C-alpha atoms as a PDB file:
ATOM      1  CA  MET A   1      -0.126  -0.277  -0.261  1.00  0.00           C
ATOM      2  CA  ALA A   2       2.824   2.228   0.816  1.00  0.00           C
ATOM      3  CA  VAL A   3       4.509   1.710  -2.137  1.00  0.00           C
ATOM      4  CA  LEU A   4       1.417   2.932  -4.423  1.00  0.00           C
ATOM      5  CA  ARG A   5       0.834   6.097  -2.394  1.00  0.00           C
ATOM      6  CA  GLN A   6       4.380   6.981  -3.146  1.00  0.00           C
ATOM      7  CA  GLN A   7       3.964   6.043  -6.996  1.00  0.00           C
ATOM      8  CA  LEU A   8       0.675   8.460  -6.702  1.00  0.00           C
ATOM      9  CA  VAL A   9       2.685  11.403  -4.841  1.00  0.00           C
ATOM     10  CA  PHE A  10       5.400  10.733  -7.699  1.00  0.00           C
ATOM     11  CA  VAL A  11       3.240  11.195 -10.449  1.00  0.00           C
ATOM     12  CA  GLU A  12       1.427  14.080  -8.640  1.00  0.00           C
ATOM     13  CA  ARG A  13       5.022  16.035  -8.030  1.00  0.00           C
ATOM     14  CA  MET A  14       5.458  15.557 -11.909  1.00  0.00           C
ATOM     15  CA  ALA A  15       2.121  17.192 -12.793  1.00  0.00           C
ATOM     16  CA  HIS A  16       3.030  19.639 -10.241  1.00  0.00           C
ATOM     17  CA  SER A  17       6.587  20.468 -11.983  1.00  0.00           C
ATOM     18  CA  GLY A  18       5.021  20.615 -15.148  1.00  0.00           C
ATOM     19  CA  MET A  19       7.107  17.033 -16.809  1.00  0.00           C
ATOM     20  CA  VAL A  20       3.048  16.114 -17.180  1.00  0.00           C
ATOM     21  CA  THR A  21      -0.313  17.651 -17.917  1.00  0.00           C
ATOM     22  CA  GLY A  22      -2.839  17.248 -15.369  1.00  0.00           C
ATOM     23  CA  GLN A  23      -4.821  15.176 -17.708  1.00  0.00           C
ATOM     24  CA  GLU A  24      -1.513  13.062 -18.106  1.00  0.00           C
ATOM     25  CA  ALA A  25      -1.302  12.797 -14.589  1.00  0.00           C
ATOM     26  CA  GLY A  26      -4.975  11.803 -14.075  1.00  0.00           C
ATOM     27  CA  LEU A  27      -4.200   8.877 -16.987  1.00  0.00           C
ATOM     28  CA  MET A  28      -1.063   8.230 -14.841  1.00  0.00           C
ATOM     29  CA  ALA A  29      -2.894   7.671 -11.683  1.00  0.00           C
ATOM     30  CA  GLU A  30      -5.750   6.074 -12.393  1.00  0.00           C
ATOM     31  CA  PRO A  31      -4.339   2.676 -12.760  1.00  0.00           C
ATOM     32  CA  ILE A  32      -2.869   3.388  -9.181  1.00  0.00           C
ATOM     33  CA  ASP A  33      -5.987   4.014  -7.620  1.00  0.00           C
ATOM     34  CA  THR A  34      -7.637   1.121  -8.702  1.00  0.00           C
ATOM     35  CA  ARG A  35      -4.917  -1.263  -7.501  1.00  0.00           C
ATOM     36  CA  ILE A  36      -5.336   0.737  -4.035  1.00  0.00           C
ATOM     37  CA  ARG A  37      -9.290   0.265  -4.207  1.00  0.00           C
ATOM     38  CA  VAL A  38      -8.405  -3.447  -4.454  1.00  0.00           C
ATOM     39  CA  LEU A  39      -6.068  -3.775  -2.070  1.00  0.00           C
ATOM     40  CA  ALA A  40      -8.105  -1.895   0.870  1.00  0.00           C
ATOM     41  CA  HIS A  41     -11.057  -4.224  -0.520  1.00  0.00           C
ATOM     42  CA  ARG A  42      -9.548  -7.556  -0.369  1.00  0.00           C
ATOM     43  CA  GLY A  43      -6.680  -7.341   1.445  1.00  0.00           C
ATOM     44  CA  PRO A  44      -2.984  -8.519   0.801  1.00  0.00           C
ATOM     45  CA  THR A  45      -2.234 -11.635  -0.867  1.00  0.00           C
ATOM     46  CA  TRP A  46       0.565 -14.259  -0.865  1.00  0.00           C
ATOM     47  CA  ARG A  47       0.941 -17.059  -3.161  1.00  0.00           C
ATOM     48  CA  ALA A  48       3.175 -20.026  -2.516  1.00  0.00           C
ATOM     49  CA  PRO A  49       6.366 -20.321  -4.540  1.00  0.00           C
ATOM     50  CA  LEU A  50       6.817 -22.977  -7.709  1.00  0.00           C
ATOM     51  CA  VAL A  51       9.409 -25.464  -6.537  1.00  0.00           C
ATOM     52  CA  ILE A  52      11.134 -24.346  -9.956  1.00  0.00           C
ATOM     53  CA  ASP A  53      11.843 -21.092  -8.474  1.00  0.00           C
ATOM     54  CA  VAL A  54      12.832 -22.079  -5.206  1.00  0.00           C
ATOM     55  CA  LEU A  55      15.530 -24.689  -6.747  1.00  0.00           C
ATOM     56  CA  ARG A  56      16.757 -21.791  -8.728  1.00  0.00           C
ATOM     57  CA  SER A  57      16.827 -19.703  -6.007  1.00  0.00           C
ATOM     58  CA  LEU A  58      19.889 -22.262  -4.433  1.00  0.00           C
ATOM     59  CA  PRO A  59      23.300 -21.044  -4.590  1.00  0.00           C
ATOM     60  CA  ILE A  60      24.243 -24.690  -5.997  1.00  0.00           C
ATOM     61  CA  MET A  61      21.514 -24.213  -8.809  1.00  0.00           C
ATOM     62  CA  ARG A  62      22.659 -20.812  -9.961  1.00  0.00           C
ATOM     63  CA  GLN A  63      25.413 -22.733 -11.673  1.00  0.00           C
ATOM     64  CA  VAL A  64      23.203 -25.146 -13.398  1.00  0.00           C
ATOM     65  CA  ASP A  65      22.738 -23.760 -17.182  1.00  0.00           C
ATOM     66  CA  SER A  66      19.549 -22.471 -18.755  1.00  0.00           C
ATOM     67  CA  PRO A  67      19.088 -25.831 -21.149  1.00  0.00           C
ATOM     68  CA  PHE A  68      18.153 -28.104 -18.122  1.00  0.00           C
ATOM     69  CA  MET A  69      16.347 -25.590 -16.135  1.00  0.00           C
ATOM     70  CA  ASP A  70      14.302 -25.240 -19.375  1.00  0.00           C
ATOM     71  CA  SER A  71      14.081 -28.813 -20.387  1.00  0.00           C
ATOM     72  CA  PRO A  72      10.447 -30.943 -20.006  1.00  0.00           C
ATOM     73  CA  PHE A  73      12.165 -32.695 -16.830  1.00  0.00           C
ATOM     74  CA  MET A  74      11.939 -29.106 -15.446  1.00  0.00           C
ATOM     75  CA  ASP A  75       8.213 -28.523 -16.422  1.00  0.00           C
ATOM     76  CA  LEU A  76       7.156 -30.774 -13.693  1.00  0.00           C
ATOM     77  CA  PHE A  77       8.557 -29.020 -10.897  1.00  0.00           C
ATOM     78  CA  ARG A  78       7.511 -25.512 -12.706  1.00  0.00           C
ATOM     79  CA  LEU A  79       4.110 -27.156 -13.049  1.00  0.00           C
ATOM     80  CA  SER A  80       3.867 -28.245  -9.309  1.00  0.00           C
ATOM     81  CA  LYS A  81       3.237 -25.855  -6.231  1.00  0.00           C
ATOM     82  CA  VAL A  82       4.947 -26.057  -2.668  1.00  0.00           C
ATOM     83  CA  GLY A  83       1.916 -27.170  -0.002  1.00  0.00           C
ATOM     84  CA  CYS A  84       1.846 -26.971   3.336  1.00  0.00           C
ATOM     85  CA  TRP A  85       0.163 -29.207   6.091  1.00  0.00           C
ATOM     86  CA  ARG A  86      -2.278 -28.041   8.438  1.00  0.00           C
ATOM     87  CA  THR A  87      -1.701 -29.248  12.059  1.00  0.00           C
ATOM     88  CA  ARG A  88      -4.591 -31.504  12.173  1.00  0.00           C
ATOM     89  CA  ASP A  89      -3.289 -33.340   9.009  1.00  0.00           C
ATOM     90  CA  ARG A  90      -1.886 -36.750   9.448  1.00  0.00           C
ATOM     91  CA  LEU A  91       0.663 -38.875   7.462  1.00  0.00           C
ATOM     92  CA  ALA A  92      -0.108 -42.679   7.169  1.00  0.00           C
ATOM     93  CA  ALA A  93       1.618 -45.097   6.930  1.00  0.00           C
ATOM     94  CA  PRO A  94       0.308 -47.702   3.555  1.00  0.00           C
ATOM     95  CA  LEU A  95      -0.665 -51.119   5.065  1.00  0.00           C
END
């Protein structure tokens, strides 16, 4: 929210200094206002990272060349998501 408000201040300063016209400032501020309203209504959201993104962030995987990371084998990781367990979930041993 603070970043969006800072963007609005920046647009207002550009309009005040004459870098953009009032109409241009309005067009620039419109999507920012929309994002602020949506964020205020829905609240912040967090998405679980994809496994491929987690792997790429590991120091050992940073050295892996791009063709391997873009291979069909890695598509399995790219399509999967990291899940979390609820406290009431139990792991069952196969019988």
